[in-house]
Amino acid sequence: MKRIILGLLMIAGLSLAADAKDTYGHDASALPKAAQSVIKKNFKTRVGVVKIDKDFGRISEYEATLTDGSEITFDRDGNWKEIETNIEKSVPSAFVPTAISTFVKKNNPGTRIVGIEKKRNGYEISLSNGIDIEFDKQGNFVKYD
């Protein structure tokens, strides 16, 4: 009896693992409408690859790589979580709170924001010179990272 139960548990575990596989596509239509809208309004390039991450068979996030090399991570509802551009580009200003943009211009002249991530307590940005900076939810400086 124990062998039968153990065998059934193994089969169930394997089927869950198979169901939790990430999937890839080349079509922006795989993204939620909100994510498609964000890309269309703020980026001039097309989606090259979409990765759909799944945890326990449920979509946890989407990762879109654009043809210019930018990468955008969205939650399951299509809200952006993180944006990374290549070193020659900048994160579109629509994603950077004004207080953060002002701080960067004043304290790090000549640099560009090439990455931004929404965190539980605020934002973390990456500059073109390799420096990372953390800010709170209101865009107030917290620390250099």
N, C-alpha and C. Protein backbone atom coordinates (compact mmCIF):
# COMPACT_ATOMS: atom_id res chain seq x y z
N MET A 1 0.81 -1.19 0.00
CA MET A 1 0.00 0.00 0.00
C MET A 1 0.86 1.27 0.00
N LYS A 2 1.95 1.23 0.81
CA LYS A 2 2.83 2.39 0.87
C LYS A 2 3.46 2.67 -0.50
N ARG A 3 3.78 1.60 -1.23
CA ARG A 3 4.39 1.77 -2.55
C ARG A 3 3.42 2.42 -3.53
N ILE A 4 2.17 2.06 -3.44
CA ILE A 4 1.16 2.65 -4.34
C ILE A 4 1.00 4.14 -4.04
N ILE A 5 0.91 4.48 -2.78
CA ILE A 5 0.77 5.89 -2.40
C ILE A 5 2.02 6.67 -2.80
N LEU A 6 3.19 6.11 -2.55
CA LEU A 6 4.44 6.77 -2.93
C LEU A 6 4.51 6.95 -4.45
N GLY A 7 4.09 5.93 -5.20
CA GLY A 7 4.07 6.02 -6.66
C GLY A 7 3.12 7.11 -7.15
N LEU A 8 1.94 7.20 -6.55
CA LEU A 8 0.97 8.23 -6.92
C LEU A 8 1.49 9.63 -6.60
N LEU A 9 2.15 9.77 -5.45
CA LEU A 9 2.73 11.06 -5.08
C LEU A 9 3.84 11.46 -6.06
N MET A 10 4.64 10.50 -6.48
CA MET A 10 5.70 10.80 -7.44
C MET A 10 5.12 11.24 -8.78
N ILE A 11 4.07 10.57 -9.23
CA ILE A 11 3.42 10.94 -10.49
C ILE A 11 2.82 12.34 -10.38
N ALA A 12 2.17 12.61 -9.26
CA ALA A 12 1.58 13.95 -9.06
C ALA A 12 2.66 15.02 -9.04
N GLY A 13 3.77 14.73 -8.38
CA GLY A 13 4.88 15.69 -8.33
C GLY A 13 5.47 15.95 -9.69
N LEU A 14 5.64 14.91 -10.48
CA LEU A 14 6.18 15.08 -11.83
C LEU A 14 5.22 15.86 -12.73
N SER A 15 3.94 15.63 -12.59
CA SER A 15 2.99 16.37 -13.42
C SER A 15 2.95 17.84 -13.03
N LEU A 16 3.09 18.15 -11.74
CA LEU A 16 3.15 19.54 -11.31
C LEU A 16 4.42 20.20 -11.83
N ALA A 17 5.53 19.50 -11.77
CA ALA A 17 6.79 20.06 -12.27
C ALA A 17 6.70 20.32 -13.77
N ALA A 18 6.08 19.43 -14.50
CA ALA A 18 5.94 19.63 -15.95
C ALA A 18 5.03 20.80 -16.24
N ASP A 19 4.01 21.00 -15.43
CA ASP A 19 3.06 22.09 -15.63
C ASP A 19 3.68 23.44 -15.28
N ALA A 20 4.71 23.45 -14.43
CA ALA A 20 5.31 24.69 -13.97
C ALA A 20 6.40 25.20 -14.90
N LYS A 21 6.59 24.58 -16.05
CA LYS A 21 7.63 25.00 -16.98
C LYS A 21 7.36 26.40 -17.53
N ASP A 22 8.44 27.16 -17.67
CA ASP A 22 8.33 28.47 -18.30
C ASP A 22 8.09 28.28 -19.79
N THR A 23 7.39 29.22 -20.39
CA THR A 23 7.15 29.16 -21.83
C THR A 23 7.69 30.41 -22.50
N TYR A 24 8.03 30.27 -23.77
CA TYR A 24 8.59 31.37 -24.54
C TYR A 24 7.75 31.60 -25.78
N GLY A 25 7.74 32.84 -26.23
CA GLY A 25 7.05 33.17 -27.47
C GLY A 25 7.68 34.39 -28.10
N HIS A 26 7.25 34.71 -29.30
CA HIS A 26 7.79 35.87 -30.01
C HIS A 26 6.70 36.88 -30.33
N ASP A 27 5.57 36.75 -29.69
CA ASP A 27 4.43 37.58 -30.00
C ASP A 27 4.00 38.36 -28.76
N ALA A 28 3.85 39.67 -28.89
CA ALA A 28 3.45 40.51 -27.77
C ALA A 28 2.05 40.18 -27.28
N SER A 29 1.26 39.50 -28.09
CA SER A 29 -0.10 39.17 -27.67
C SER A 29 -0.13 38.19 -26.51
N ALA A 30 1.01 37.57 -26.19
CA ALA A 30 1.08 36.68 -25.03
C ALA A 30 1.09 37.46 -23.73
N LEU A 31 1.35 38.76 -23.81
CA LEU A 31 1.38 39.62 -22.63
C LEU A 31 -0.03 40.10 -22.28
N PRO A 32 -0.28 40.42 -21.01
CA PRO A 32 -1.56 41.03 -20.65
C PRO A 32 -1.74 42.36 -21.38
N LYS A 33 -2.97 42.79 -21.57
CA LYS A 33 -3.27 44.04 -22.29
C LYS A 33 -2.55 45.23 -21.66
N ALA A 34 -2.50 45.29 -20.32
CA ALA A 34 -1.82 46.41 -19.65
C ALA A 34 -0.34 46.47 -20.03
N ALA A 35 0.31 45.32 -20.11
CA ALA A 35 1.73 45.27 -20.48
C ALA A 35 1.91 45.68 -21.94
N GLN A 36 1.03 45.21 -22.81
CA GLN A 36 1.10 45.60 -24.22
C GLN A 36 0.97 47.11 -24.36
N SER A 37 0.08 47.71 -23.58
CA SER A 37 -0.13 49.15 -23.63
C SER A 37 1.11 49.91 -23.17
N VAL A 38 1.74 49.44 -22.10
CA VAL A 38 2.96 50.08 -21.58
C VAL A 38 4.04 50.09 -22.66
N ILE A 39 4.22 48.97 -23.32
CA ILE A 39 5.26 48.87 -24.35
C ILE A 39 4.92 49.78 -25.53
N LYS A 40 3.69 49.74 -25.97
CA LYS A 40 3.28 50.52 -27.14
C LYS A 40 3.43 52.03 -26.89
N LYS A 41 3.08 52.49 -25.68
CA LYS A 41 3.13 53.91 -25.37
C LYS A 41 4.54 54.44 -25.11
N ASN A 42 5.43 53.59 -24.62
CA ASN A 42 6.72 54.09 -24.12
C ASN A 42 7.96 53.62 -24.84
N PHE A 43 7.83 52.65 -25.71
CA PHE A 43 9.00 52.12 -26.40
C PHE A 43 8.76 52.13 -27.90
N LYS A 44 9.79 52.46 -28.65
CA LYS A 44 9.66 52.58 -30.10
C LYS A 44 9.98 51.29 -30.84
N THR A 45 10.40 50.27 -30.12
CA THR A 45 10.75 49.01 -30.76
C THR A 45 9.69 47.95 -30.47
N ARG A 46 9.84 46.83 -31.12
CA ARG A 46 8.88 45.74 -30.96
C ARG A 46 9.37 44.73 -29.94
N VAL A 47 8.46 43.87 -29.55
CA VAL A 47 8.79 42.77 -28.66
C VAL A 47 9.48 41.68 -29.47
N GLY A 48 10.63 41.23 -28.99
CA GLY A 48 11.36 40.15 -29.66
C GLY A 48 11.03 38.80 -29.07
N VAL A 49 11.07 38.71 -27.73
CA VAL A 49 10.82 37.46 -27.03
C VAL A 49 9.99 37.74 -25.78
N VAL A 50 9.05 36.86 -25.49
CA VAL A 50 8.27 36.93 -24.26
C VAL A 50 8.50 35.62 -23.51
N LYS A 51 8.91 35.75 -22.26
CA LYS A 51 9.06 34.58 -21.39
C LYS A 51 7.96 34.66 -20.34
N ILE A 52 7.22 33.59 -20.20
CA ILE A 52 6.15 33.53 -19.21
C ILE A 52 6.63 32.60 -18.10
N ASP A 53 6.88 33.18 -16.92
CA ASP A 53 7.34 32.40 -15.76
C ASP A 53 6.13 31.86 -15.02
N LYS A 54 6.22 30.58 -14.67
CA LYS A 54 5.13 29.95 -13.92
C LYS A 54 5.68 29.35 -12.64
N ASP A 55 4.91 29.50 -11.58
CA ASP A 55 5.20 28.86 -10.31
C ASP A 55 3.99 28.01 -9.95
N PHE A 56 4.21 26.75 -9.77
CA PHE A 56 3.15 25.81 -9.42
C PHE A 56 1.99 25.86 -10.41
N GLY A 57 2.33 25.99 -11.69
CA GLY A 57 1.33 25.98 -12.75
C GLY A 57 0.59 27.29 -12.95
N ARG A 58 0.95 28.31 -12.20
CA ARG A 58 0.28 29.61 -12.29
C ARG A 58 1.28 30.66 -12.75
N ILE A 59 0.86 31.53 -13.64
CA ILE A 59 1.76 32.57 -14.15
C ILE A 59 2.16 33.49 -13.00
N SER A 60 3.46 33.68 -12.83
CA SER A 60 3.96 34.57 -11.78
C SER A 60 4.44 35.90 -12.35
N GLU A 61 5.04 35.88 -13.54
CA GLU A 61 5.47 37.12 -14.18
C GLU A 61 5.77 36.89 -15.64
N TYR A 62 5.88 38.00 -16.36
CA TYR A 62 6.23 38.01 -17.78
C TYR A 62 7.53 38.79 -17.93
N GLU A 63 8.39 38.32 -18.80
CA GLU A 63 9.62 39.04 -19.13
C GLU A 63 9.62 39.27 -20.64
N ALA A 64 9.59 40.54 -21.01
CA ALA A 64 9.59 40.89 -22.43
C ALA A 64 10.95 41.46 -22.80
N THR A 65 11.56 40.90 -23.83
CA THR A 65 12.81 41.44 -24.37
C THR A 65 12.47 42.11 -25.68
N LEU A 66 12.80 43.39 -25.79
CA LEU A 66 12.49 44.15 -27.00
C LEU A 66 13.63 44.00 -28.00
N THR A 67 13.36 44.35 -29.25
CA THR A 67 14.35 44.18 -30.30
C THR A 67 15.55 45.11 -30.12
N ASP A 68 15.44 46.16 -29.30
CA ASP A 68 16.59 47.03 -29.04
C ASP A 68 17.42 46.56 -27.85
N GLY A 69 17.04 45.43 -27.26
CA GLY A 69 17.78 44.88 -26.13
C GLY A 69 17.20 45.23 -24.77
N SER A 70 16.23 46.11 -24.71
CA SER A 70 15.60 46.46 -23.43
C SER A 70 14.83 45.26 -22.90
N GLU A 71 14.80 45.14 -21.58
CA GLU A 71 14.06 44.06 -20.94
C GLU A 71 13.10 44.65 -19.93
N ILE A 72 11.85 44.18 -19.97
CA ILE A 72 10.82 44.68 -19.06
C ILE A 72 10.19 43.47 -18.38
N THR A 73 10.10 43.53 -17.07
CA THR A 73 9.45 42.48 -16.31
C THR A 73 8.11 43.01 -15.81
N PHE A 74 7.06 42.20 -16.00
CA PHE A 74 5.71 42.56 -15.58
C PHE A 74 5.20 41.52 -14.60
N ASP A 75 4.32 41.94 -13.68
CA ASP A 75 3.66 40.96 -12.83
C ASP A 75 2.56 40.27 -13.62
N ARG A 76 1.85 39.37 -13.01
CA ARG A 76 0.85 38.58 -13.73
C ARG A 76 -0.29 39.42 -14.28
N ASP A 77 -0.50 40.64 -13.72
CA ASP A 77 -1.56 41.53 -14.18
C ASP A 77 -1.11 42.50 -15.27
N GLY A 78 0.18 42.51 -15.57
CA GLY A 78 0.70 43.40 -16.60
C GLY A 78 1.26 44.70 -16.08
N ASN A 79 1.46 44.83 -14.76
CA ASN A 79 2.08 46.01 -14.17
C ASN A 79 3.60 45.84 -14.21
N TRP A 80 4.32 46.88 -14.65
CA TRP A 80 5.77 46.73 -14.76
C TRP A 80 6.39 46.62 -13.38
N LYS A 81 7.45 45.80 -13.29
CA LYS A 81 8.20 45.61 -12.06
C LYS A 81 9.64 46.09 -12.21
N GLU A 82 10.19 45.87 -13.40
CA GLU A 82 11.59 46.21 -13.63
C GLU A 82 11.82 46.50 -15.10
N ILE A 83 12.67 47.50 -15.36
CA ILE A 83 13.02 47.86 -16.74
C ILE A 83 14.53 48.01 -16.80
N GLU A 84 15.13 47.37 -17.78
CA GLU A 84 16.57 47.49 -18.02
C GLU A 84 16.78 47.81 -19.49
N THR A 85 17.61 48.80 -19.76
CA THR A 85 17.94 49.14 -21.14
C THR A 85 19.42 48.85 -21.35
N ASN A 86 19.84 48.89 -22.62
CA ASN A 86 21.28 48.73 -22.84
C ASN A 86 21.96 50.05 -22.47
N ILE A 87 23.26 50.04 -22.37
CA ILE A 87 24.03 51.16 -21.83
C ILE A 87 23.91 52.44 -22.65
N GLU A 88 23.55 52.33 -23.93
CA GLU A 88 23.43 53.52 -24.78
C GLU A 88 22.07 54.20 -24.66
N LYS A 89 21.11 53.55 -24.02
CA LYS A 89 19.76 54.09 -23.93
C LYS A 89 19.45 54.46 -22.48
N SER A 90 18.29 55.06 -22.28
CA SER A 90 17.82 55.41 -20.94
C SER A 90 16.43 54.84 -20.73
N VAL A 91 16.08 54.62 -19.48
CA VAL A 91 14.72 54.23 -19.14
C VAL A 91 13.82 55.41 -19.49
N PRO A 92 12.71 55.19 -20.18
CA PRO A 92 11.81 56.30 -20.51
C PRO A 92 11.39 57.07 -19.25
N SER A 93 11.35 58.38 -19.36
CA SER A 93 11.09 59.25 -18.20
C SER A 93 9.73 58.98 -17.55
N ALA A 94 8.78 58.42 -18.27
CA ALA A 94 7.46 58.14 -17.72
C ALA A 94 7.54 57.15 -16.55
N PHE A 95 8.60 56.37 -16.46
CA PHE A 95 8.73 55.36 -15.41
C PHE A 95 9.52 55.85 -14.20
N VAL A 96 10.17 57.00 -14.32
CA VAL A 96 11.04 57.50 -13.26
C VAL A 96 10.33 58.64 -12.52
N PRO A 97 10.06 58.45 -11.22
CA PRO A 97 9.45 59.54 -10.46
C PRO A 97 10.30 60.81 -10.54
N THR A 98 9.64 61.95 -10.55
CA THR A 98 10.32 63.24 -10.71
C THR A 98 11.41 63.45 -9.66
N ALA A 99 11.15 63.09 -8.42
CA ALA A 99 12.15 63.29 -7.36
C ALA A 99 13.43 62.50 -7.64
N ILE A 100 13.29 61.31 -8.18
CA ILE A 100 14.47 60.49 -8.51
C ILE A 100 15.23 61.11 -9.67
N SER A 101 14.51 61.52 -10.70
CA SER A 101 15.14 62.15 -11.85
C SER A 101 15.91 63.40 -11.44
N THR A 102 15.31 64.21 -10.59
CA THR A 102 15.96 65.43 -10.11
C THR A 102 17.22 65.11 -9.32
N PHE A 103 17.15 64.12 -8.46
CA PHE A 103 18.31 63.71 -7.66
C PHE A 103 19.46 63.27 -8.56
N VAL A 104 19.15 62.46 -9.55
CA VAL A 104 20.19 61.94 -10.45
C VAL A 104 20.83 63.09 -11.23
N LYS A 105 20.04 64.00 -11.77
CA LYS A 105 20.58 65.13 -12.53
C LYS A 105 21.48 65.99 -11.66
N LYS A 106 21.10 66.20 -10.41
CA LYS A 106 21.87 67.07 -9.51
C LYS A 106 23.14 66.39 -9.00
N ASN A 107 23.04 65.13 -8.62
CA ASN A 107 24.15 64.46 -7.94
C ASN A 107 24.99 63.53 -8.82
N ASN A 108 24.51 63.23 -10.00
CA ASN A 108 25.25 62.35 -10.92
C ASN A 108 25.16 62.89 -12.34
N PRO A 109 25.63 64.12 -12.55
CA PRO A 109 25.50 64.72 -13.88
C PRO A 109 26.25 63.89 -14.93
N GLY A 110 25.68 63.88 -16.12
CA GLY A 110 26.30 63.17 -17.23
C GLY A 110 25.99 61.68 -17.26
N THR A 111 25.17 61.21 -16.33
CA THR A 111 24.79 59.80 -16.34
C THR A 111 23.34 59.65 -16.78
N ARG A 112 22.99 58.44 -17.15
CA ARG A 112 21.61 58.12 -17.54
C ARG A 112 21.10 57.00 -16.66
N ILE A 113 19.80 56.98 -16.46
CA ILE A 113 19.18 55.87 -15.74
C ILE A 113 18.96 54.75 -16.75
N VAL A 114 19.66 53.63 -16.54
CA VAL A 114 19.56 52.51 -17.49
C VAL A 114 18.77 51.34 -16.91
N GLY A 115 18.36 51.46 -15.65
CA GLY A 115 17.55 50.42 -15.04
C GLY A 115 16.76 50.97 -13.87
N ILE A 116 15.54 50.47 -13.71
CA ILE A 116 14.72 50.85 -12.56
C ILE A 116 13.91 49.62 -12.14
N GLU A 117 13.84 49.42 -10.83
CA GLU A 117 13.08 48.30 -10.29
C GLU A 117 12.20 48.80 -9.16
N LYS A 118 10.91 48.44 -9.23
CA LYS A 118 9.99 48.74 -8.13
C LYS A 118 10.19 47.67 -7.07
N LYS A 119 10.42 48.13 -5.86
CA LYS A 119 10.57 47.21 -4.75
C LYS A 119 9.47 47.50 -3.73
N ARG A 120 9.36 46.65 -2.76
CA ARG A 120 8.32 46.82 -1.73
C ARG A 120 8.47 48.16 -1.01
N ASN A 121 9.70 48.57 -0.74
CA ASN A 121 9.94 49.80 0.02
C ASN A 121 10.26 51.00 -0.84
N GLY A 122 10.29 50.85 -2.16
CA GLY A 122 10.64 51.98 -3.02
C GLY A 122 11.17 51.55 -4.36
N TYR A 123 12.27 52.18 -4.77
CA TYR A 123 12.85 51.94 -6.09
C TYR A 123 14.35 51.73 -5.97
N GLU A 124 14.88 50.96 -6.90
CA GLU A 124 16.33 50.85 -7.06
C GLU A 124 16.62 51.18 -8.51
N ILE A 125 17.54 52.11 -8.72
CA ILE A 125 17.89 52.47 -10.09
C ILE A 125 19.35 52.14 -10.35
N SER A 126 19.65 51.90 -11.62
CA SER A 126 21.01 51.66 -12.07
C SER A 126 21.38 52.78 -13.04
N LEU A 127 22.56 53.34 -12.85
CA LEU A 127 23.03 54.42 -13.71
C LEU A 127 23.99 53.88 -14.76
N SER A 128 24.20 54.67 -15.80
CA SER A 128 25.08 54.27 -16.90
C SER A 128 26.54 54.12 -16.47
N ASN A 129 26.91 54.69 -15.32
CA ASN A 129 28.28 54.55 -14.83
C ASN A 129 28.44 53.36 -13.88
N GLY A 130 27.38 52.53 -13.75
CA GLY A 130 27.46 51.32 -12.93
C GLY A 130 27.01 51.49 -11.49
N ILE A 131 26.67 52.69 -11.09
CA ILE A 131 26.23 52.93 -9.71
C ILE A 131 24.75 52.58 -9.57
N ASP A 132 24.41 51.95 -8.46
CA ASP A 132 23.01 51.66 -8.11
C ASP A 132 22.63 52.55 -6.94
N ILE A 133 21.40 53.05 -6.96
CA ILE A 133 20.91 53.94 -5.91
C ILE A 133 19.53 53.47 -5.48
N GLU A 134 19.28 53.49 -4.17
CA GLU A 134 17.98 53.12 -3.64
C GLU A 134 17.23 54.38 -3.19
N PHE A 135 15.92 54.36 -3.42
CA PHE A 135 15.03 55.45 -3.04
C PHE A 135 13.80 54.86 -2.35
N ASP A 136 13.16 55.66 -1.49
CA ASP A 136 11.92 55.19 -0.88
C ASP A 136 10.75 55.39 -1.84
N LYS A 137 9.55 55.07 -1.42
CA LYS A 137 8.38 55.14 -2.30
C LYS A 137 8.08 56.55 -2.79
N GLN A 138 8.48 57.56 -2.02
CA GLN A 138 8.25 58.95 -2.41
C GLN A 138 9.37 59.50 -3.31
N GLY A 139 10.38 58.68 -3.56
CA GLY A 139 11.49 59.11 -4.40
C GLY A 139 12.61 59.80 -3.64
N ASN A 140 12.59 59.68 -2.30
CA ASN A 140 13.65 60.27 -1.49
C ASN A 140 14.85 59.32 -1.45
N PHE A 141 16.04 59.91 -1.56
CA PHE A 141 17.28 59.12 -1.54
C PHE A 141 17.39 58.33 -0.25
N VAL A 142 17.79 57.05 -0.36
CA VAL A 142 18.03 56.19 0.80
C VAL A 142 19.52 55.90 0.91
N LYS A 143 20.10 55.33 -0.17
CA LYS A 143 21.54 55.02 -0.11
C LYS A 143 22.05 54.64 -1.48
N TYR A 144 23.37 54.80 -1.62
CA TYR A 144 24.07 54.26 -2.78
C TYR A 144 24.31 52.79 -2.49
N ASP A 145 24.17 51.98 -3.51
CA ASP A 145 24.32 50.54 -3.30
C ASP A 145 25.58 50.04 -3.95
